[in-house]
Amino acid sequence: MIKHSEIPDSDLRDKLRHREICFGGNLKLKIYGTLSCSSGRKMKRENRVFFSTEKEAIANGFRPCGHCMKDQYKKWKNAFI
């Protein structure tokens, strides 16, 4: 997990370009999603974190976004019902 506030913009761009970062998340809400999600773009920089894989996000206690990852979110939600 990489905190957005702790990585220089140039390093972040390099990691994105080399596809080392594939998912973004909200540290306070514990939600992760795709980098193109409109909900993720609205969050504050200090709350934003990045993951290389879904497994990494799940291992850190994050749940899928209900907007950009509908299928994964439904599976997550149904596991609690």
PDB file of N, CA and C in Angstrom:
ATOM      1  N   MET A   1       0.862  -1.175   0.000  1.00  0.00           N
ATOM      2  CA  MET A   1       0.000   0.000   0.000  1.00  0.00           C
ATOM      3  C   MET A   1       0.903   1.232   0.000  1.00  0.00           C
ATOM      4  N   ILE A   2       0.608   2.143  -0.915  1.00  0.00           N
ATOM      5  CA  ILE A   2       1.360   3.385  -1.033  1.00  0.00           C
ATOM      6  C   ILE A   2       0.415   4.547  -0.760  1.00  0.00           C
ATOM      7  N   LYS A   3       0.753   5.381   0.196  1.00  0.00           N
ATOM      8  CA  LYS A   3      -0.057   6.563   0.492  1.00  0.00           C
ATOM      9  C   LYS A   3       0.274   7.657  -0.521  1.00  0.00           C
ATOM     10  N   HIS A   4      -0.740   8.276  -1.076  1.00  0.00           N
ATOM     11  CA  HIS A   4      -0.545   9.313  -2.084  1.00  0.00           C
ATOM     12  C   HIS A   4       0.248  10.489  -1.516  1.00  0.00           C
ATOM     13  N   SER A   5       0.016  10.820  -0.265  1.00  0.00           N
ATOM     14  CA  SER A   5       0.703  11.959   0.342  1.00  0.00           C
ATOM     15  C   SER A   5       2.185  11.684   0.601  1.00  0.00           C
ATOM     16  N   GLU A   6       2.609  10.427   0.504  1.00  0.00           N
ATOM     17  CA  GLU A   6       3.994  10.068   0.802  1.00  0.00           C
ATOM     18  C   GLU A   6       4.828   9.712  -0.423  1.00  0.00           C
ATOM     19  N   ILE A   7       4.272   9.870  -1.621  1.00  0.00           N
ATOM     20  CA  ILE A   7       5.007   9.530  -2.846  1.00  0.00           C
ATOM     21  C   ILE A   7       5.084  10.772  -3.735  1.00  0.00           C
ATOM     22  N   PRO A   8       6.270  11.105  -4.225  1.00  0.00           N
ATOM     23  CA  PRO A   8       6.385  12.253  -5.141  1.00  0.00           C
ATOM     24  C   PRO A   8       5.602  11.994  -6.434  1.00  0.00           C
ATOM     25  N   ASP A   9       5.092  13.054  -7.026  1.00  0.00           N
ATOM     26  CA  ASP A   9       4.293  12.921  -8.244  1.00  0.00           C
ATOM     27  C   ASP A   9       5.059  12.227  -9.371  1.00  0.00           C
ATOM     28  N   SER A  10       6.354  12.500  -9.492  1.00  0.00           N
ATOM     29  CA  SER A  10       7.137  11.866 -10.561  1.00  0.00           C
ATOM     30  C   SER A  10       7.219  10.347 -10.359  1.00  0.00           C
ATOM     31  N   ASP A  11       7.404   9.901  -9.107  1.00  0.00           N
ATOM     32  CA  ASP A  11       7.437   8.456  -8.831  1.00  0.00           C
ATOM     33  C   ASP A  11       6.074   7.822  -9.084  1.00  0.00           C
ATOM     34  N   LEU A  12       5.023   8.531  -8.725  1.00  0.00           N
ATOM     35  CA  LEU A  12       3.665   8.031  -8.949  1.00  0.00           C
ATOM     36  C   LEU A  12       3.401   7.855 -10.437  1.00  0.00           C
ATOM     37  N   ARG A  13       3.774   8.844 -11.237  1.00  0.00           N
ATOM     38  CA  ARG A  13       3.586   8.741 -12.694  1.00  0.00           C
ATOM     39  C   ARG A  13       4.353   7.546 -13.265  1.00  0.00           C
ATOM     40  N   ASP A  14       5.578   7.328 -12.787  1.00  0.00           N
ATOM     41  CA  ASP A  14       6.375   6.188 -13.263  1.00  0.00           C
ATOM     42  C   ASP A  14       5.711   4.866 -12.912  1.00  0.00           C
ATOM     43  N   LYS A  15       5.214   4.751 -11.694  1.00  0.00           N
ATOM     44  CA  LYS A  15       4.556   3.519 -11.280  1.00  0.00           C
ATOM     45  C   LYS A  15       3.265   3.275 -12.075  1.00  0.00           C
ATOM     46  N   LEU A  16       2.539   4.337 -12.364  1.00  0.00           N
ATOM     47  CA  LEU A  16       1.330   4.205 -13.177  1.00  0.00           C
ATOM     48  C   LEU A  16       1.687   3.789 -14.606  1.00  0.00           C
ATOM     49  N   ARG A  17       2.705   4.402 -15.150  1.00  0.00           N
ATOM     50  CA  ARG A  17       3.125   4.106 -16.518  1.00  0.00           C
ATOM     51  C   ARG A  17       3.581   2.652 -16.651  1.00  0.00           C
ATOM     52  N   HIS A  18       4.264   2.144 -15.631  1.00  0.00           N
ATOM     53  CA  HIS A  18       4.761   0.769 -15.666  1.00  0.00           C
ATOM     54  C   HIS A  18       3.760  -0.230 -15.093  1.00  0.00           C
ATOM     55  N   ARG A  19       2.553   0.233 -14.828  1.00  0.00           N
ATOM     56  CA  ARG A  19       1.454  -0.587 -14.313  1.00  0.00           C
ATOM     57  C   ARG A  19       1.790  -1.294 -12.996  1.00  0.00           C
ATOM     58  N   GLU A  20       2.591  -0.621 -12.175  1.00  0.00           N
ATOM     59  CA  GLU A  20       2.887  -1.140 -10.840  1.00  0.00           C
ATOM     60  C   GLU A  20       1.754  -0.801  -9.875  1.00  0.00           C
ATOM     61  N   ILE A  21       0.941   0.180 -10.255  1.00  0.00           N
ATOM     62  CA  ILE A  21      -0.238   0.576  -9.475  1.00  0.00           C
ATOM     63  C   ILE A  21      -1.456   0.348 -10.360  1.00  0.00           C
ATOM     64  N   CYS A  22      -2.411  -0.441  -9.865  1.00  0.00           N
ATOM     65  CA  CYS A  22      -3.601  -0.765 -10.659  1.00  0.00           C
ATOM     66  C   CYS A  22      -4.907  -0.361  -9.979  1.00  0.00           C
ATOM     67  N   PHE A  23      -4.866  -0.124  -8.662  1.00  0.00           N
ATOM     68  CA  PHE A  23      -6.073   0.213  -7.908  1.00  0.00           C
ATOM     69  C   PHE A  23      -5.789   1.352  -6.940  1.00  0.00           C
ATOM     70  N   GLY A  24      -6.831   2.126  -6.672  1.00  0.00           N
ATOM     71  CA  GLY A  24      -6.748   3.190  -5.686  1.00  0.00           C
ATOM     72  C   GLY A  24      -7.743   2.932  -4.580  1.00  0.00           C
ATOM     73  N   GLY A  25      -7.493   3.520  -3.418  1.00  0.00           N
ATOM     74  CA  GLY A  25      -8.397   3.304  -2.301  1.00  0.00           C
ATOM     75  C   GLY A  25      -8.520   4.518  -1.410  1.00  0.00           C
ATOM     76  N   ASN A  26      -9.559   4.516  -0.593  1.00  0.00           N
ATOM     77  CA  ASN A  26      -9.795   5.571   0.382  1.00  0.00           C
ATOM     78  C   ASN A  26      -9.418   5.016   1.751  1.00  0.00           C
ATOM     79  N   LEU A  27      -8.397   5.603   2.349  1.00  0.00           N
ATOM     80  CA  LEU A  27      -7.859   5.111   3.611  1.00  0.00           C
ATOM     81  C   LEU A  27      -8.870   5.191   4.746  1.00  0.00           C
ATOM     82  N   LYS A  28      -9.671   6.248   4.785  1.00  0.00           N
ATOM     83  CA  LYS A  28     -10.641   6.405   5.875  1.00  0.00           C
ATOM     84  C   LYS A  28     -11.850   5.490   5.709  1.00  0.00           C
ATOM     85  N   LEU A  29     -12.341   5.341   4.492  1.00  0.00           N
ATOM     86  CA  LEU A  29     -13.535   4.532   4.250  1.00  0.00           C
ATOM     87  C   LEU A  29     -13.218   3.060   4.009  1.00  0.00           C
ATOM     88  N   LYS A  30     -11.944   2.756   3.760  1.00  0.00           N
ATOM     89  CA  LYS A  30     -11.503   1.380   3.490  1.00  0.00           C
ATOM     90  C   LYS A  30     -12.205   0.801   2.262  1.00  0.00           C
ATOM     91  N   ILE A  31     -12.241   1.601   1.179  1.00  0.00           N
ATOM     92  CA  ILE A  31     -12.834   1.184  -0.090  1.00  0.00           C
ATOM     93  C   ILE A  31     -11.760   1.280  -1.168  1.00  0.00           C
ATOM     94  N   TYR A  32     -11.680   0.279  -2.048  1.00  0.00           N
ATOM     95  CA  TYR A  32     -10.748   0.349  -3.167  1.00  0.00           C
ATOM     96  C   TYR A  32     -11.512   0.211  -4.476  1.00  0.00           C
ATOM     97  N   GLY A  33     -10.924   0.743  -5.548  1.00  0.00           N
ATOM     98  CA  GLY A  33     -11.553   0.659  -6.860  1.00  0.00           C
ATOM     99  C   GLY A  33     -10.548   0.897  -7.967  1.00  0.00           C
ATOM    100  N   THR A  34     -11.061   0.994  -9.176  1.00  0.00           N
ATOM    101  CA  THR A  34     -10.206   1.227 -10.333  1.00  0.00           C
ATOM    102  C   THR A  34      -9.699   2.664 -10.320  1.00  0.00           C
ATOM    103  N   LEU A  35      -8.627   2.902 -11.036  1.00  0.00           N
ATOM    104  CA  LEU A  35      -8.054   4.244 -11.081  1.00  0.00           C
ATOM    105  C   LEU A  35      -8.907   5.211 -11.891  1.00  0.00           C
ATOM    106  N   SER A  36      -9.814   4.694 -12.700  1.00  0.00           N
ATOM    107  CA  SER A  36     -10.672   5.555 -13.518  1.00  0.00           C
ATOM    108  C   SER A  36     -12.010   5.863 -12.857  1.00  0.00           C
ATOM    109  N   CYS A  37     -12.235   5.398 -11.658  1.00  0.00           N
ATOM    110  CA  CYS A  37     -13.509   5.595 -10.964  1.00  0.00           C
ATOM    111  C   CYS A  37     -13.718   7.070 -10.621  1.00  0.00           C
ATOM    112  N   SER A  38     -14.896   7.581 -10.929  1.00  0.00           N
ATOM    113  CA  SER A  38     -15.196   8.988 -10.647  1.00  0.00           C
ATOM    114  C   SER A  38     -15.252   9.258  -9.147  1.00  0.00           C
ATOM    115  N   SER A  39     -15.655   8.287  -8.359  1.00  0.00           N
ATOM    116  CA  SER A  39     -15.690   8.463  -6.902  1.00  0.00           C
ATOM    117  C   SER A  39     -14.286   8.613  -6.336  1.00  0.00           C
ATOM    118  N   GLY A  40     -13.367   7.857  -6.869  1.00  0.00           N
ATOM    119  CA  GLY A  40     -11.986   7.913  -6.398  1.00  0.00           C
ATOM    120  C   GLY A  40     -11.290   9.213  -6.726  1.00  0.00           C
ATOM    121  N   ARG A  41     -11.666   9.818  -7.805  1.00  0.00           N
ATOM    122  CA  ARG A  41     -11.035  11.075  -8.210  1.00  0.00           C
ATOM    123  C   ARG A  41     -11.419  12.239  -7.315  1.00  0.00           C
ATOM    124  N   LYS A  42     -12.512  12.104  -6.592  1.00  0.00           N
ATOM    125  CA  LYS A  42     -13.013  13.188  -5.753  1.00  0.00           C
ATOM    126  C   LYS A  42     -12.415  13.202  -4.350  1.00  0.00           C
ATOM    127  N   MET A  43     -11.736  12.129  -3.954  1.00  0.00           N
ATOM    128  CA  MET A  43     -11.255  12.049  -2.570  1.00  0.00           C
ATOM    129  C   MET A  43     -10.029  12.933  -2.344  1.00  0.00           C
ATOM    130  N   LYS A  44      -9.812  13.274  -1.109  1.00  0.00           N
ATOM    131  CA  LYS A  44      -8.673  14.096  -0.741  1.00  0.00           C
ATOM    132  C   LYS A  44      -7.387  13.296  -0.884  1.00  0.00           C
ATOM    133  N   ARG A  45      -6.325  14.002  -1.227  1.00  0.00           N
ATOM    134  CA  ARG A  45      -5.020  13.374  -1.436  1.00  0.00           C
ATOM    135  C   ARG A  45      -4.568  12.616  -0.187  1.00  0.00           C
ATOM    136  N   GLU A  46      -4.794  13.178   1.001  1.00  0.00           N
ATOM    137  CA  GLU A  46      -4.317  12.528   2.231  1.00  0.00           C
ATOM    138  C   GLU A  46      -5.077  11.242   2.549  1.00  0.00           C
ATOM    139  N   ASN A  47      -6.251  11.038   1.931  1.00  0.00           N
ATOM    140  CA  ASN A  47      -7.032   9.815   2.137  1.00  0.00           C
ATOM    141  C   ASN A  47      -6.770   8.754   1.067  1.00  0.00           C
ATOM    142  N   ARG A  48      -6.074   9.124  -0.007  1.00  0.00           N
ATOM    143  CA  ARG A  48      -5.891   8.225  -1.153  1.00  0.00           C
ATOM    144  C   ARG A  48      -4.673   7.319  -0.967  1.00  0.00           C
ATOM    145  N   VAL A  49      -4.860   6.038  -1.260  1.00  0.00           N
ATOM    146  CA  VAL A  49      -3.775   5.056  -1.244  1.00  0.00           C
ATOM    147  C   VAL A  49      -3.830   4.271  -2.555  1.00  0.00           C
ATOM    148  N   PHE A  50      -2.735   3.609  -2.876  1.00  0.00           N
ATOM    149  CA  PHE A  50      -2.648   2.844  -4.116  1.00  0.00           C
ATOM    150  C   PHE A  50      -2.219   1.413  -3.823  1.00  0.00           C
ATOM    151  N   PHE A  51      -2.722   0.507  -4.667  1.00  0.00           N
ATOM    152  CA  PHE A  51      -2.405  -0.920  -4.546  1.00  0.00           C
ATOM    153  C   PHE A  51      -1.989  -1.457  -5.908  1.00  0.00           C
ATOM    154  N   SER A  52      -1.144  -2.479  -5.887  1.00  0.00           N
ATOM    155  CA  SER A  52      -0.753  -3.101  -7.151  1.00  0.00           C
ATOM    156  C   SER A  52      -1.730  -4.200  -7.559  1.00  0.00           C
ATOM    157  N   THR A  53      -2.395  -4.824  -6.576  1.00  0.00           N
ATOM    158  CA  THR A  53      -3.341  -5.901  -6.881  1.00  0.00           C
ATOM    159  C   THR A  53      -4.572  -5.800  -5.980  1.00  0.00           C
ATOM    160  N   GLU A  54      -5.625  -6.487  -6.394  1.00  0.00           N
ATOM    161  CA  GLU A  54      -6.825  -6.571  -5.550  1.00  0.00           C
ATOM    162  C   GLU A  54      -6.524  -7.324  -4.262  1.00  0.00           C
ATOM    163  N   LYS A  55      -5.703  -8.362  -4.364  1.00  0.00           N
ATOM    164  CA  LYS A  55      -5.356  -9.154  -3.176  1.00  0.00           C
ATOM    165  C   LYS A  55      -4.691  -8.278  -2.124  1.00  0.00           C
ATOM    166  N   GLU A  56      -3.857  -7.356  -2.565  1.00  0.00           N
ATOM    167  CA  GLU A  56      -3.189  -6.448  -1.632  1.00  0.00           C
ATOM    168  C   GLU A  56      -4.205  -5.552  -0.934  1.00  0.00           C
ATOM    169  N   ALA A  57      -5.168  -5.043  -1.686  1.00  0.00           N
ATOM    170  CA  ALA A  57      -6.208  -4.187  -1.102  1.00  0.00           C
ATOM    171  C   ALA A  57      -7.037  -4.960  -0.085  1.00  0.00           C
ATOM    172  N   ILE A  58      -7.445  -6.161  -0.436  1.00  0.00           N
ATOM    173  CA  ILE A  58      -8.255  -6.994   0.460  1.00  0.00           C
ATOM    174  C   ILE A  58      -7.457  -7.364   1.713  1.00  0.00           C
ATOM    175  N   ALA A  59      -6.175  -7.665   1.536  1.00  0.00           N
ATOM    176  CA  ALA A  59      -5.327  -8.016   2.679  1.00  0.00           C
ATOM    177  C   ALA A  59      -5.179  -6.850   3.657  1.00  0.00           C
ATOM    178  N   ASN A  60      -5.328  -5.633   3.157  1.00  0.00           N
ATOM    179  CA  ASN A  60      -5.237  -4.451   4.006  1.00  0.00           C
ATOM    180  C   ASN A  60      -6.592  -4.039   4.569  1.00  0.00           C
ATOM    181  N   GLY A  61      -7.619  -4.872   4.359  1.00  0.00           N
ATOM    182  CA  GLY A  61      -8.928  -4.632   4.958  1.00  0.00           C
ATOM    183  C   GLY A  61      -9.850  -3.724   4.159  1.00  0.00           C
ATOM    184  N   PHE A  62      -9.600  -3.553   2.876  1.00  0.00           N
ATOM    185  CA  PHE A  62     -10.439  -2.707   2.028  1.00  0.00           C
ATOM    186  C   PHE A  62     -11.512  -3.542   1.343  1.00  0.00           C
ATOM    187  N   ARG A  63     -12.641  -2.909   1.021  1.00  0.00           N
ATOM    188  CA  ARG A  63     -13.727  -3.576   0.300  1.00  0.00           C
ATOM    189  C   ARG A  63     -13.846  -2.957  -1.096  1.00  0.00           C
ATOM    190  N   PRO A  64     -14.447  -3.673  -2.051  1.00  0.00           N
ATOM    191  CA  PRO A  64     -14.597  -3.150  -3.411  1.00  0.00           C
ATOM    192  C   PRO A  64     -15.559  -1.960  -3.474  1.00  0.00           C
ATOM    193  N   CYS A  65     -15.328  -1.089  -4.423  1.00  0.00           N
ATOM    194  CA  CYS A  65     -16.185   0.076  -4.675  1.00  0.00           C
ATOM    195  C   CYS A  65     -17.491  -0.383  -5.330  1.00  0.00           C
ATOM    196  N   GLY A  66     -18.593   0.170  -4.883  1.00  0.00           N
ATOM    197  CA  GLY A  66     -19.893  -0.175  -5.442  1.00  0.00           C
ATOM    198  C   GLY A  66     -20.167   0.474  -6.785  1.00  0.00           C
ATOM    199  N   HIS A  67     -19.368   1.468  -7.173  1.00  0.00           N
ATOM    200  CA  HIS A  67     -19.583   2.147  -8.454  1.00  0.00           C
ATOM    201  C   HIS A  67     -18.815   1.492  -9.599  1.00  0.00           C
ATOM    202  N   CYS A  68     -17.522   1.303  -9.421  1.00  0.00           N
ATOM    203  CA  CYS A  68     -16.696   0.822 -10.535  1.00  0.00           C
ATOM    204  C   CYS A  68     -16.427  -0.678 -10.499  1.00  0.00           C
ATOM    205  N   MET A  69     -16.739  -1.337  -9.398  1.00  0.00           N
ATOM    206  CA  MET A  69     -16.488  -2.773  -9.271  1.00  0.00           C
ATOM    207  C   MET A  69     -17.751  -3.469  -8.775  1.00  0.00           C
ATOM    208  N   LYS A  70     -18.816  -3.308  -9.522  1.00  0.00           N
ATOM    209  CA  LYS A  70     -20.140  -3.779  -9.088  1.00  0.00           C
ATOM    210  C   LYS A  70     -20.189  -5.274  -8.783  1.00  0.00           C
ATOM    211  N   ASP A  71     -19.595  -6.091  -9.644  1.00  0.00           N
ATOM    212  CA  ASP A  71     -19.645  -7.545  -9.421  1.00  0.00           C
ATOM    213  C   ASP A  71     -18.901  -7.949  -8.150  1.00  0.00           C
ATOM    214  N   GLN A  72     -17.689  -7.408  -7.979  1.00  0.00           N
ATOM    215  CA  GLN A  72     -16.916  -7.715  -6.778  1.00  0.00           C
ATOM    216  C   GLN A  72     -17.610  -7.191  -5.534  1.00  0.00           C
ATOM    217  N   TYR A  73     -18.245  -6.016  -5.637  1.00  0.00           N
ATOM    218  CA  TYR A  73     -18.965  -5.443  -4.506  1.00  0.00           C
ATOM    219  C   TYR A  73     -20.147  -6.331  -4.104  1.00  0.00           C
ATOM    220  N   LYS A  74     -20.903  -6.824  -5.114  1.00  0.00           N
ATOM    221  CA  LYS A  74     -22.039  -7.697  -4.816  1.00  0.00           C
ATOM    222  C   LYS A  74     -21.594  -8.969  -4.120  1.00  0.00           C
ATOM    223  N   LYS A  75     -20.491  -9.558  -4.572  1.00  0.00           N
ATOM    224  CA  LYS A  75     -19.962 -10.761  -3.930  1.00  0.00           C
ATOM    225  C   LYS A  75     -19.558 -10.457  -2.490  1.00  0.00           C
ATOM    226  N   TRP A  76     -18.887  -9.320  -2.278  1.00  0.00           N
ATOM    227  CA  TRP A  76     -18.477  -8.923  -0.931  1.00  0.00           C
ATOM    228  C   TRP A  76     -19.690  -8.716  -0.037  1.00  0.00           C
ATOM    229  N   LYS A  77     -20.695  -8.021  -0.574  1.00  0.00           N
ATOM    230  CA  LYS A  77     -21.894  -7.716   0.215  1.00  0.00           C
ATOM    231  C   LYS A  77     -22.662  -8.993   0.548  1.00  0.00           C
ATOM    232  N   ASN A  78     -22.803  -9.886  -0.414  1.00  0.00           N
ATOM    233  CA  ASN A  78     -23.540 -11.135  -0.192  1.00  0.00           C
ATOM    234  C   ASN A  78     -22.843 -12.048   0.811  1.00  0.00           C
ATOM    235  N   ALA A  79     -21.556 -11.889   0.984  1.00  0.00           N
ATOM    236  CA  ALA A  79     -20.832 -12.707   1.964  1.00  0.00           C
ATOM    237  C   ALA A  79     -21.252 -12.361   3.383  1.00  0.00           C
ATOM    238  N   PHE A  80     -21.817 -11.159   3.590  1.00  0.00           N
ATOM    239  CA  PHE A  80     -22.221 -10.723   4.926  1.00  0.00           C
ATOM    240  C   PHE A  80     -23.705 -10.916   5.188  1.00  0.00           C
ATOM    241  N   ILE A  81     -24.468 -11.256   4.152  1.00  0.00           N
ATOM    242  CA  ILE A  81     -25.921 -11.400   4.319  1.00  0.00           C
ATOM    243  C   ILE A  81     -26.276 -12.838   4.630  1.00  0.00           C
TER     244      ILE A  81
END
